[in-house]
Amino acid sequence: KAKEMVLTGQMITAQEALDMGLINKVVPDDKLMEEAIKMARSIAKHSAIALAIAKKTLNTAANAADIYTAGAIENAMFSLTFATEDQDEGMKAFLEKRKPQFQGK
């Protein structure tokens, strides 16, 4: 549907985009910045290196030739997260029932 919209110039409402799954949320104009900051804070709680790996995985796997290649990419990238200091910190924090202090390493 997104490709059709781009190629035809078809306009839709925010609600229609939400219903189609093209966007995740619709918020009033006066709440946009508040909601964006809320989402940014939620994302920022996680390891920056793990987020970078996740983003690269999503972008790379989305362009994979088939589901098997996408799965292999995901597995390879997921294993990279286990070689990070942030992963160690995340596990320690979980076991110690505290918030992790990620360093991006």
PDB file of N, CA and C in Angstrom:
ATOM      1  N   LYS A   1       0.828  -1.201   0.000  1.00  0.00           N
ATOM      2  CA  LYS A   1       0.000   0.000   0.000  1.00  0.00           C
ATOM      3  C   LYS A   1       0.871   1.264   0.000  1.00  0.00           C
ATOM      4  N   ALA A   2       1.960   1.225   0.782  1.00  0.00           N
ATOM      5  CA  ALA A   2       2.838   2.397   0.838  1.00  0.00           C
ATOM      6  C   ALA A   2       3.416   2.697  -0.541  1.00  0.00           C
ATOM      7  N   LYS A   3       3.819   1.650  -1.254  1.00  0.00           N
ATOM      8  CA  LYS A   3       4.379   1.854  -2.592  1.00  0.00           C
ATOM      9  C   LYS A   3       3.331   2.477  -3.516  1.00  0.00           C
ATOM     10  N   GLU A   4       2.106   1.987  -3.436  1.00  0.00           N
ATOM     11  CA  GLU A   4       1.013   2.538  -4.243  1.00  0.00           C
ATOM     12  C   GLU A   4       0.815   4.016  -3.929  1.00  0.00           C
ATOM     13  N   MET A   5       0.862   4.362  -2.659  1.00  0.00           N
ATOM     14  CA  MET A   5       0.675   5.755  -2.265  1.00  0.00           C
ATOM     15  C   MET A   5       1.787   6.637  -2.811  1.00  0.00           C
ATOM     16  N   VAL A   6       3.016   6.148  -2.759  1.00  0.00           N
ATOM     17  CA  VAL A   6       4.146   6.926  -3.263  1.00  0.00           C
ATOM     18  C   VAL A   6       4.026   7.126  -4.770  1.00  0.00           C
ATOM     19  N   LEU A   7       3.680   6.053  -5.468  1.00  0.00           N
ATOM     20  CA  LEU A   7       3.629   6.133  -6.925  1.00  0.00           C
ATOM     21  C   LEU A   7       2.427   6.908  -7.450  1.00  0.00           C
ATOM     22  N   THR A   8       1.322   6.887  -6.727  1.00  0.00           N
ATOM     23  CA  THR A   8       0.116   7.589  -7.194  1.00  0.00           C
ATOM     24  C   THR A   8      -0.072   8.957  -6.554  1.00  0.00           C
ATOM     25  N   GLY A   9       0.634   9.213  -5.469  1.00  0.00           N
ATOM     26  CA  GLY A   9       0.458  10.476  -4.758  1.00  0.00           C
ATOM     27  C   GLY A   9      -0.807  10.503  -3.919  1.00  0.00           C
ATOM     28  N   GLN A  10      -1.408   9.341  -3.706  1.00  0.00           N
ATOM     29  CA  GLN A  10      -2.646   9.240  -2.920  1.00  0.00           C
ATOM     30  C   GLN A  10      -2.410   9.730  -1.495  1.00  0.00           C
ATOM     31  N   MET A  11      -3.293  10.578  -1.014  1.00  0.00           N
ATOM     32  CA  MET A  11      -3.211  11.088   0.348  1.00  0.00           C
ATOM     33  C   MET A  11      -4.172  10.306   1.235  1.00  0.00           C
ATOM     34  N   ILE A  12      -3.771  10.072   2.478  1.00  0.00           N
ATOM     35  CA  ILE A  12      -4.636   9.402   3.444  1.00  0.00           C
ATOM     36  C   ILE A  12      -4.557  10.153   4.764  1.00  0.00           C
ATOM     37  N   THR A  13      -5.506   9.891   5.623  1.00  0.00           N
ATOM     38  CA  THR A  13      -5.505  10.521   6.943  1.00  0.00           C
ATOM     39  C   THR A  13      -4.571   9.752   7.871  1.00  0.00           C
ATOM     40  N   ALA A  14      -4.248  10.363   8.985  1.00  0.00           N
ATOM     41  CA  ALA A  14      -3.416   9.697   9.988  1.00  0.00           C
ATOM     42  C   ALA A  14      -4.099   8.426  10.480  1.00  0.00           C
ATOM     43  N   GLN A  15      -5.397   8.477  10.672  1.00  0.00           N
ATOM     44  CA  GLN A  15      -6.130   7.295  11.144  1.00  0.00           C
ATOM     45  C   GLN A  15      -6.063   6.165  10.122  1.00  0.00           C
ATOM     46  N   GLU A  16      -6.171   6.506   8.838  1.00  0.00           N
ATOM     47  CA  GLU A  16      -6.062   5.480   7.794  1.00  0.00           C
ATOM     48  C   GLU A  16      -4.664   4.868   7.792  1.00  0.00           C
ATOM     49  N   ALA A  17      -3.646   5.696   7.968  1.00  0.00           N
ATOM     50  CA  ALA A  17      -2.273   5.189   8.026  1.00  0.00           C
ATOM     51  C   ALA A  17      -2.094   4.259   9.217  1.00  0.00           C
ATOM     52  N   LEU A  18      -2.698   4.610  10.337  1.00  0.00           N
ATOM     53  CA  LEU A  18      -2.647   3.762  11.531  1.00  0.00           C
ATOM     54  C   LEU A  18      -3.353   2.438  11.271  1.00  0.00           C
ATOM     55  N   ASP A  19      -4.534   2.507  10.684  1.00  0.00           N
ATOM     56  CA  ASP A  19      -5.308   1.299  10.391  1.00  0.00           C
ATOM     57  C   ASP A  19      -4.569   0.362   9.436  1.00  0.00           C
ATOM     58  N   MET A  20      -3.774   0.925   8.533  1.00  0.00           N
ATOM     59  CA  MET A  20      -3.011   0.120   7.574  1.00  0.00           C
ATOM     60  C   MET A  20      -1.708  -0.411   8.161  1.00  0.00           C
ATOM     61  N   GLY A  21      -1.351   0.075   9.337  1.00  0.00           N
ATOM     62  CA  GLY A  21      -0.094  -0.350   9.934  1.00  0.00           C
ATOM     63  C   GLY A  21       1.119   0.398   9.409  1.00  0.00           C
ATOM     64  N   LEU A  22       0.889   1.528   8.742  1.00  0.00           N
ATOM     65  CA  LEU A  22       1.999   2.320   8.215  1.00  0.00           C
ATOM     66  C   LEU A  22       2.662   3.165   9.293  1.00  0.00           C
ATOM     67  N   ILE A  23       1.914   3.462  10.349  1.00  0.00           N
ATOM     68  CA  ILE A  23       2.440   4.214  11.482  1.00  0.00           C
ATOM     69  C   ILE A  23       2.042   3.501  12.767  1.00  0.00           C
ATOM     70  N   ASN A  24       2.716   3.826  13.851  1.00  0.00           N
ATOM     71  CA  ASN A  24       2.478   3.143  15.122  1.00  0.00           C
ATOM     72  C   ASN A  24       1.468   3.827  16.026  1.00  0.00           C
ATOM     73  N   LYS A  25       1.331   5.133  15.885  1.00  0.00           N
ATOM     74  CA  LYS A  25       0.498   5.871  16.826  1.00  0.00           C
ATOM     75  C   LYS A  25       0.050   7.182  16.200  1.00  0.00           C
ATOM     76  N   VAL A  26      -1.138   7.630  16.596  1.00  0.00           N
ATOM     77  CA  VAL A  26      -1.643   8.947  16.206  1.00  0.00           C
ATOM     78  C   VAL A  26      -1.825   9.745  17.486  1.00  0.00           C
ATOM     79  N   VAL A  27      -1.267  10.946  17.507  1.00  0.00           N
ATOM     80  CA  VAL A  27      -1.398  11.810  18.684  1.00  0.00           C
ATOM     81  C   VAL A  27      -1.839  13.201  18.236  1.00  0.00           C
ATOM     82  N   PRO A  28      -2.515  13.925  19.113  1.00  0.00           N
ATOM     83  CA  PRO A  28      -2.896  15.301  18.774  1.00  0.00           C
ATOM     84  C   PRO A  28      -1.644  16.160  18.560  1.00  0.00           C
ATOM     85  N   ASP A  29      -1.770  17.162  17.709  1.00  0.00           N
ATOM     86  CA  ASP A  29      -0.638  18.045  17.411  1.00  0.00           C
ATOM     87  C   ASP A  29       0.022  18.586  18.672  1.00  0.00           C
ATOM     88  N   ASP A  30      -0.784  18.994  19.644  1.00  0.00           N
ATOM     89  CA  ASP A  30      -0.229  19.617  20.843  1.00  0.00           C
ATOM     90  C   ASP A  30       0.458  18.612  21.770  1.00  0.00           C
ATOM     91  N   LYS A  31       0.357  17.326  21.473  1.00  0.00           N
ATOM     92  CA  LYS A  31       1.000  16.290  22.293  1.00  0.00           C
ATOM     93  C   LYS A  31       2.167  15.621  21.564  1.00  0.00           C
ATOM     94  N   LEU A  32       2.435  16.058  20.333  1.00  0.00           N
ATOM     95  CA  LEU A  32       3.448  15.393  19.518  1.00  0.00           C
ATOM     96  C   LEU A  32       4.822  15.385  20.173  1.00  0.00           C
ATOM     97  N   MET A  33       5.305  16.540  20.606  1.00  0.00           N
ATOM     98  CA  MET A  33       6.635  16.608  21.204  1.00  0.00           C
ATOM     99  C   MET A  33       6.695  15.793  22.487  1.00  0.00           C
ATOM    100  N   GLU A  34       5.663  15.880  23.301  1.00  0.00           N
ATOM    101  CA  GLU A  34       5.601  15.124  24.551  1.00  0.00           C
ATOM    102  C   GLU A  34       5.695  13.620  24.276  1.00  0.00           C
ATOM    103  N   GLU A  35       4.950  13.148  23.287  1.00  0.00           N
ATOM    104  CA  GLU A  35       4.958  11.720  22.945  1.00  0.00           C
ATOM    105  C   GLU A  35       6.294  11.304  22.337  1.00  0.00           C
ATOM    106  N   ALA A  36       6.881  12.171  21.524  1.00  0.00           N
ATOM    107  CA  ALA A  36       8.181  11.865  20.922  1.00  0.00           C
ATOM    108  C   ALA A  36       9.257  11.749  21.995  1.00  0.00           C
ATOM    109  N   ILE A  37       9.234  12.647  22.955  1.00  0.00           N
ATOM    110  CA  ILE A  37      10.202  12.599  24.057  1.00  0.00           C
ATOM    111  C   ILE A  37       9.982  11.358  24.900  1.00  0.00           C
ATOM    112  N   LYS A  38       8.733  11.006  25.136  1.00  0.00           N
ATOM    113  CA  LYS A  38       8.425   9.802  25.909  1.00  0.00           C
ATOM    114  C   LYS A  38       9.004   8.560  25.214  1.00  0.00           C
ATOM    115  N   MET A  39       8.834   8.484  23.892  1.00  0.00           N
ATOM    116  CA  MET A  39       9.371   7.345  23.149  1.00  0.00           C
ATOM    117  C   MET A  39      10.899   7.364  23.162  1.00  0.00           C
ATOM    118  N   ALA A  40      11.482   8.534  22.992  1.00  0.00           N
ATOM    119  CA  ALA A  40      12.940   8.645  23.001  1.00  0.00           C
ATOM    120  C   ALA A  40      13.510   8.197  24.345  1.00  0.00           C
ATOM    121  N   ARG A  41      12.865   8.580  25.425  1.00  0.00           N
ATOM    122  CA  ARG A  41      13.325   8.161  26.756  1.00  0.00           C
ATOM    123  C   ARG A  41      13.207   6.651  26.927  1.00  0.00           C
ATOM    124  N   SER A  42      12.144   6.082  26.409  1.00  0.00           N
ATOM    125  CA  SER A  42      11.954   4.636  26.490  1.00  0.00           C
ATOM    126  C   SER A  42      13.059   3.909  25.728  1.00  0.00           C
ATOM    127  N   ILE A  43      13.399   4.408  24.554  1.00  0.00           N
ATOM    128  CA  ILE A  43      14.468   3.812  23.754  1.00  0.00           C
ATOM    129  C   ILE A  43      15.816   4.009  24.434  1.00  0.00           C
ATOM    130  N   ALA A  44      16.044   5.195  24.992  1.00  0.00           N
ATOM    131  CA  ALA A  44      17.337   5.532  25.594  1.00  0.00           C
ATOM    132  C   ALA A  44      17.671   4.700  26.824  1.00  0.00           C
ATOM    133  N   LYS A  45      16.702   4.008  27.384  1.00  0.00           N
ATOM    134  CA  LYS A  45      16.959   3.149  28.542  1.00  0.00           C
ATOM    135  C   LYS A  45      17.778   1.919  28.164  1.00  0.00           C
ATOM    136  N   HIS A  46      17.844   1.624  26.884  1.00  0.00           N
ATOM    137  CA  HIS A  46      18.511   0.416  26.419  1.00  0.00           C
ATOM    138  C   HIS A  46      19.946   0.705  25.995  1.00  0.00           C
ATOM    139  N   SER A  47      20.707  -0.334  25.852  1.00  0.00           N
ATOM    140  CA  SER A  47      22.102  -0.229  25.429  1.00  0.00           C
ATOM    141  C   SER A  47      22.192   0.373  24.030  1.00  0.00           C
ATOM    142  N   ALA A  48      23.000   1.410  23.885  1.00  0.00           N
ATOM    143  CA  ALA A  48      23.162   2.059  22.580  1.00  0.00           C
ATOM    144  C   ALA A  48      23.730   1.087  21.558  1.00  0.00           C
ATOM    145  N   ILE A  49      24.663   0.252  21.975  1.00  0.00           N
ATOM    146  CA  ILE A  49      25.256  -0.695  21.031  1.00  0.00           C
ATOM    147  C   ILE A  49      24.246  -1.759  20.620  1.00  0.00           C
ATOM    148  N   ALA A  50      23.433  -2.217  21.553  1.00  0.00           N
ATOM    149  CA  ALA A  50      22.394  -3.199  21.214  1.00  0.00           C
ATOM    150  C   ALA A  50      21.357  -2.582  20.283  1.00  0.00           C
ATOM    151  N   LEU A  51      21.015  -1.321  20.513  1.00  0.00           N
ATOM    152  CA  LEU A  51      20.068  -0.635  19.631  1.00  0.00           C
ATOM    153  C   LEU A  51      20.649  -0.479  18.226  1.00  0.00           C
ATOM    154  N   ALA A  52      21.930  -0.148  18.134  1.00  0.00           N
ATOM    155  CA  ALA A  52      22.576  -0.005  16.828  1.00  0.00           C
ATOM    156  C   ALA A  52      22.574  -1.337  16.081  1.00  0.00           C
ATOM    157  N   ILE A  53      22.871  -2.414  16.805  1.00  0.00           N
ATOM    158  CA  ILE A  53      22.860  -3.744  16.190  1.00  0.00           C
ATOM    159  C   ILE A  53      21.446  -4.106  15.754  1.00  0.00           C
ATOM    160  N   ALA A  54      20.464  -3.821  16.584  1.00  0.00           N
ATOM    161  CA  ALA A  54      19.073  -4.121  16.236  1.00  0.00           C
ATOM    162  C   ALA A  54      18.641  -3.344  14.990  1.00  0.00           C
ATOM    163  N   LYS A  55      19.011  -2.071  14.933  1.00  0.00           N
ATOM    164  CA  LYS A  55      18.647  -1.246  13.782  1.00  0.00           C
ATOM    165  C   LYS A  55      19.297  -1.782  12.511  1.00  0.00           C
ATOM    166  N   LYS A  56      20.580  -2.112  12.598  1.00  0.00           N
ATOM    167  CA  LYS A  56      21.279  -2.660  11.432  1.00  0.00           C
ATOM    168  C   LYS A  56      20.657  -3.982  11.010  1.00  0.00           C
ATOM    169  N   THR A  57      20.293  -4.804  11.988  1.00  0.00           N
ATOM    170  CA  THR A  57      19.658  -6.089  11.687  1.00  0.00           C
ATOM    171  C   THR A  57      18.347  -5.886  10.941  1.00  0.00           C
ATOM    172  N   LEU A  58      17.504  -5.007  11.449  1.00  0.00           N
ATOM    173  CA  LEU A  58      16.214  -4.751  10.800  1.00  0.00           C
ATOM    174  C   LEU A  58      16.394  -4.233   9.379  1.00  0.00           C
ATOM    175  N   ASN A  59      17.300  -3.292   9.200  1.00  0.00           N
ATOM    176  CA  ASN A  59      17.521  -2.713   7.877  1.00  0.00           C
ATOM    177  C   ASN A  59      18.111  -3.722   6.903  1.00  0.00           C
ATOM    178  N   THR A  60      19.053  -4.535   7.371  1.00  0.00           N
ATOM    179  CA  THR A  60      19.701  -5.520   6.508  1.00  0.00           C
ATOM    180  C   THR A  60      18.757  -6.670   6.187  1.00  0.00           C
ATOM    181  N   ALA A  61      18.097  -7.206   7.194  1.00  0.00           N
ATOM    182  CA  ALA A  61      17.202  -8.346   6.987  1.00  0.00           C
ATOM    183  C   ALA A  61      16.014  -7.975   6.105  1.00  0.00           C
ATOM    184  N   ALA A  62      15.570  -6.736   6.184  1.00  0.00           N
ATOM    185  CA  ALA A  62      14.436  -6.300   5.363  1.00  0.00           C
ATOM    186  C   ALA A  62      14.756  -6.381   3.877  1.00  0.00           C
ATOM    187  N   ASN A  63      16.035  -6.293   3.537  1.00  0.00           N
ATOM    188  CA  ASN A  63      16.454  -6.345   2.137  1.00  0.00           C
ATOM    189  C   ASN A  63      16.997  -7.710   1.736  1.00  0.00           C
ATOM    190  N   ALA A  64      16.862  -8.691   2.612  1.00  0.00           N
ATOM    191  CA  ALA A  64      17.373 -10.032   2.319  1.00  0.00           C
ATOM    192  C   ALA A  64      16.573 -10.675   1.190  1.00  0.00           C
ATOM    193  N   ALA A  65      17.238 -11.571   0.471  1.00  0.00           N
ATOM    194  CA  ALA A  65      16.611 -12.234  -0.673  1.00  0.00           C
ATOM    195  C   ALA A  65      15.461 -13.142  -0.267  1.00  0.00           C
ATOM    196  N   ASP A  66      15.565 -13.745   0.914  1.00  0.00           N
ATOM    197  CA  ASP A  66      14.520 -14.671   1.350  1.00  0.00           C
ATOM    198  C   ASP A  66      14.511 -14.756   2.871  1.00  0.00           C
ATOM    199  N   ILE A  67      13.537 -15.471   3.402  1.00  0.00           N
ATOM    200  CA  ILE A  67      13.358 -15.577   4.853  1.00  0.00           C
ATOM    201  C   ILE A  67      14.538 -16.283   5.518  1.00  0.00           C
ATOM    202  N   TYR A  68      15.155 -17.220   4.816  1.00  0.00           N
ATOM    203  CA  TYR A  68      16.282 -17.960   5.392  1.00  0.00           C
ATOM    204  C   TYR A  68      17.501 -17.053   5.546  1.00  0.00           C
ATOM    205  N   THR A  69      17.739 -16.226   4.539  1.00  0.00           N
ATOM    206  CA  THR A  69      18.841 -15.272   4.612  1.00  0.00           C
ATOM    207  C   THR A  69      18.574 -14.248   5.709  1.00  0.00           C
ATOM    208  N   ALA A  70      17.346 -13.779   5.791  1.00  0.00           N
ATOM    209  CA  ALA A  70      16.980 -12.823   6.843  1.00  0.00           C
ATOM    210  C   ALA A  70      17.210 -13.436   8.216  1.00  0.00           C
ATOM    211  N   GLY A  71      16.831 -14.700   8.390  1.00  0.00           N
ATOM    212  CA  GLY A  71      17.043 -15.393   9.665  1.00  0.00           C
ATOM    213  C   GLY A  71      18.510 -15.544   9.997  1.00  0.00           C
ATOM    214  N   ALA A  72      19.319 -15.850   8.992  1.00  0.00           N
ATOM    215  CA  ALA A  72      20.760 -15.993   9.207  1.00  0.00           C
ATOM    216  C   ALA A  72      21.377 -14.659   9.611  1.00  0.00           C
ATOM    217  N   ILE A  73      20.932 -13.594   8.983  1.00  0.00           N
ATOM    218  CA  ILE A  73      21.414 -12.252   9.336  1.00  0.00           C
ATOM    219  C   ILE A  73      21.033 -11.939  10.773  1.00  0.00           C
ATOM    220  N   GLU A  74      19.792 -12.209  11.123  1.00  0.00           N
ATOM    221  CA  GLU A  74      19.327 -11.942  12.483  1.00  0.00           C
ATOM    222  C   GLU A  74      20.137 -12.734  13.506  1.00  0.00           C
ATOM    223  N   ASN A  75      20.365 -14.011  13.245  1.00  0.00           N
ATOM    224  CA  ASN A  75      21.141 -14.841  14.174  1.00  0.00           C
ATOM    225  C   ASN A  75      22.561 -14.324  14.343  1.00  0.00           C
ATOM    226  N   ALA A  76      23.196 -13.957  13.231  1.00  0.00           N
ATOM    227  CA  ALA A  76      24.571 -13.458  13.292  1.00  0.00           C
ATOM    228  C   ALA A  76      24.646 -12.149  14.071  1.00  0.00           C
ATOM    229  N   MET A  77      23.723 -11.250  13.803  1.00  0.00           N
ATOM    230  CA  MET A  77      23.743  -9.960  14.481  1.00  0.00           C
ATOM    231  C   MET A  77      23.398 -10.110  15.960  1.00  0.00           C
ATOM    232  N   PHE A  78      22.446 -11.001  16.272  1.00  0.00           N
ATOM    233  CA  PHE A  78      22.063 -11.235  17.660  1.00  0.00           C
ATOM    234  C   PHE A  78      23.259 -11.739  18.463  1.00  0.00           C
ATOM    235  N   SER A  79      24.046 -12.614  17.854  1.00  0.00           N
ATOM    236  CA  SER A  79      25.206 -13.151  18.573  1.00  0.00           C
ATOM    237  C   SER A  79      26.228 -12.065  18.879  1.00  0.00           C
ATOM    238  N   LEU A  80      26.275 -11.022  18.062  1.00  0.00           N
ATOM    239  CA  LEU A  80      27.200  -9.911  18.321  1.00  0.00           C
ATOM    240  C   LEU A  80      26.896  -9.221  19.645  1.00  0.00           C
ATOM    241  N   THR A  81      25.631  -9.172  20.011  1.00  0.00           N
ATOM    242  CA  THR A  81      25.275  -8.488  21.255  1.00  0.00           C
ATOM    243  C   THR A  81      25.853  -9.194  22.475  1.00  0.00           C
ATOM    244  N   PHE A  82      26.092 -10.505  22.365  1.00  0.00           N
ATOM    245  CA  PHE A  82      26.616 -11.254  23.499  1.00  0.00           C
ATOM    246  C   PHE A  82      28.109 -11.036  23.707  1.00  0.00           C
ATOM    247  N   ALA A  83      28.755 -10.360  22.777  1.00  0.00           N
ATOM    248  CA  ALA A  83      30.176 -10.064  22.909  1.00  0.00           C
ATOM    249  C   ALA A  83      30.405  -8.657  23.447  1.00  0.00           C
ATOM    250  N   THR A  84      29.362  -8.029  23.976  1.00  0.00           N
ATOM    251  CA  THR A  84      29.495  -6.650  24.445  1.00  0.00           C
ATOM    252  C   THR A  84      29.511  -6.574  25.968  1.00  0.00           C
ATOM    253  N   GLU A  85      30.160  -5.546  26.459  1.00  0.00           N
ATOM    254  CA  GLU A  85      30.155  -5.284  27.899  1.00  0.00           C
ATOM    255  C   GLU A  85      28.746  -4.917  28.371  1.00  0.00           C
ATOM    256  N   ASP A  86      27.986  -4.259  27.505  1.00  0.00           N
ATOM    257  CA  ASP A  86      26.617  -3.895  27.866  1.00  0.00           C
ATOM    258  C   ASP A  86      25.757  -5.132  28.119  1.00  0.00           C
ATOM    259  N   GLN A  87      26.001  -6.204  27.375  1.00  0.00           N
ATOM    260  CA  GLN A  87      25.240  -7.429  27.595  1.00  0.00           C
ATOM    261  C   GLN A  87      25.556  -7.985  28.971  1.00  0.00           C
ATOM    262  N   ASP A  88      26.843  -7.983  29.326  1.00  0.00           N
ATOM    263  CA  ASP A  88      27.237  -8.441  30.664  1.00  0.00           C
ATOM    264  C   ASP A  88      26.564  -7.594  31.744  1.00  0.00           C
ATOM    265  N   GLU A  89      26.584  -6.285  31.546  1.00  0.00           N
ATOM    266  CA  GLU A  89      25.964  -5.370  32.512  1.00  0.00           C
ATOM    267  C   GLU A  89      24.464  -5.612  32.599  1.00  0.00           C
ATOM    268  N   GLY A  90      23.828  -5.827  31.467  1.00  0.00           N
ATOM    269  CA  GLY A  90      22.396  -6.087  31.455  1.00  0.00           C
ATOM    270  C   GLY A  90      22.036  -7.341  32.227  1.00  0.00           C
ATOM    271  N   MET A  91      22.813  -8.393  32.050  1.00  0.00           N
ATOM    272  CA  MET A  91      22.563  -9.645  32.774  1.00  0.00           C
ATOM    273  C   MET A  91      22.800  -9.466  34.273  1.00  0.00           C
ATOM    274  N   LYS A  92      23.898  -8.793  34.620  1.00  0.00           N
ATOM    275  CA  LYS A  92      24.186  -8.552  36.041  1.00  0.00           C
ATOM    276  C   LYS A  92      23.072  -7.733  36.686  1.00  0.00           C
ATOM    277  N   ALA A  93      22.652  -6.690  35.998  1.00  0.00           N
ATOM    278  CA  ALA A  93      21.591  -5.828  36.532  1.00  0.00           C
ATOM    279  C   ALA A  93      20.295  -6.618  36.714  1.00  0.00           C
ATOM    280  N   PHE A  94      19.993  -7.475  35.765  1.00  0.00           N
ATOM    281  CA  PHE A  94      18.785  -8.293  35.869  1.00  0.00           C
ATOM    282  C   PHE A  94      18.862  -9.203  37.090  1.00  0.00           C
ATOM    283  N   LEU A  95      19.988  -9.881  37.248  1.00  0.00           N
ATOM    284  CA  LEU A  95      20.149 -10.806  38.374  1.00  0.00           C
ATOM    285  C   LEU A  95      20.160 -10.081  39.715  1.00  0.00           C
ATOM    286  N   GLU A  96      20.699  -8.859  39.713  1.00  0.00           N
ATOM    287  CA  GLU A  96      20.768  -8.069  40.943  1.00  0.00           C
ATOM    288  C   GLU A  96      19.526  -7.200  41.141  1.00  0.00           C
ATOM    289  N   LYS A  97      18.562  -7.329  40.243  1.00  0.00           N
ATOM    290  CA  LYS A  97      17.294  -6.583  40.313  1.00  0.00           C
ATOM    291  C   LYS A  97      17.510  -5.065  40.421  1.00  0.00           C
ATOM    292  N   ARG A  98      18.349  -4.553  39.515  1.00  0.00           N
ATOM    293  CA  ARG A  98      18.624  -3.120  39.473  1.00  0.00           C
ATOM    294  C   ARG A  98      18.603  -2.654  38.020  1.00  0.00           C
ATOM    295  N   LYS A  99      18.589  -1.341  37.842  1.00  0.00           N
ATOM    296  CA  LYS A  99      18.634  -0.793  36.491  1.00  0.00           C
ATOM    297  C   LYS A  99      20.061  -0.894  35.962  1.00  0.00           C
ATOM    298  N   PRO A 100      20.224  -1.285  34.705  1.00  0.00           N
ATOM    299  CA  PRO A 100      21.574  -1.380  34.145  1.00  0.00           C
ATOM    300  C   PRO A 100      22.177  -0.003  33.882  1.00  0.00           C
ATOM    301  N   GLN A 101      23.483   0.047  33.945  1.00  0.00           N
ATOM    302  CA  GLN A 101      24.242   1.258  33.627  1.00  0.00           C
ATOM    303  C   GLN A 101      25.057   0.969  32.363  1.00  0.00           C
ATOM    304  N   PHE A 102      24.430   1.128  31.211  1.00  0.00           N
ATOM    305  CA  PHE A 102      25.082   0.797  29.952  1.00  0.00           C
ATOM    306  C   PHE A 102      26.145   1.829  29.591  1.00  0.00           C
ATOM    307  N   GLN A 103      27.229   1.351  28.970  1.00  0.00           N
ATOM    308  CA  GLN A 103      28.344   2.212  28.583  1.00  0.00           C
ATOM    309  C   GLN A 103      28.521   2.310  27.065  1.00  0.00           C
ATOM    310  N   GLY A 104      27.724   1.552  26.325  1.00  0.00           N
ATOM    311  CA  GLY A 104      27.866   1.578  24.867  1.00  0.00           C
ATOM    312  C   GLY A 104      29.078   0.817  24.382  1.00  0.00           C
ATOM    313  N   LYS A 105      29.473  -0.194  25.157  1.00  0.00           N
ATOM    314  CA  LYS A 105      30.648  -1.001  24.787  1.00  0.00           C
ATOM    315  C   LYS A 105      30.281  -2.463  24.730  1.00  0.00           C
TER     316      LYS A 105
END
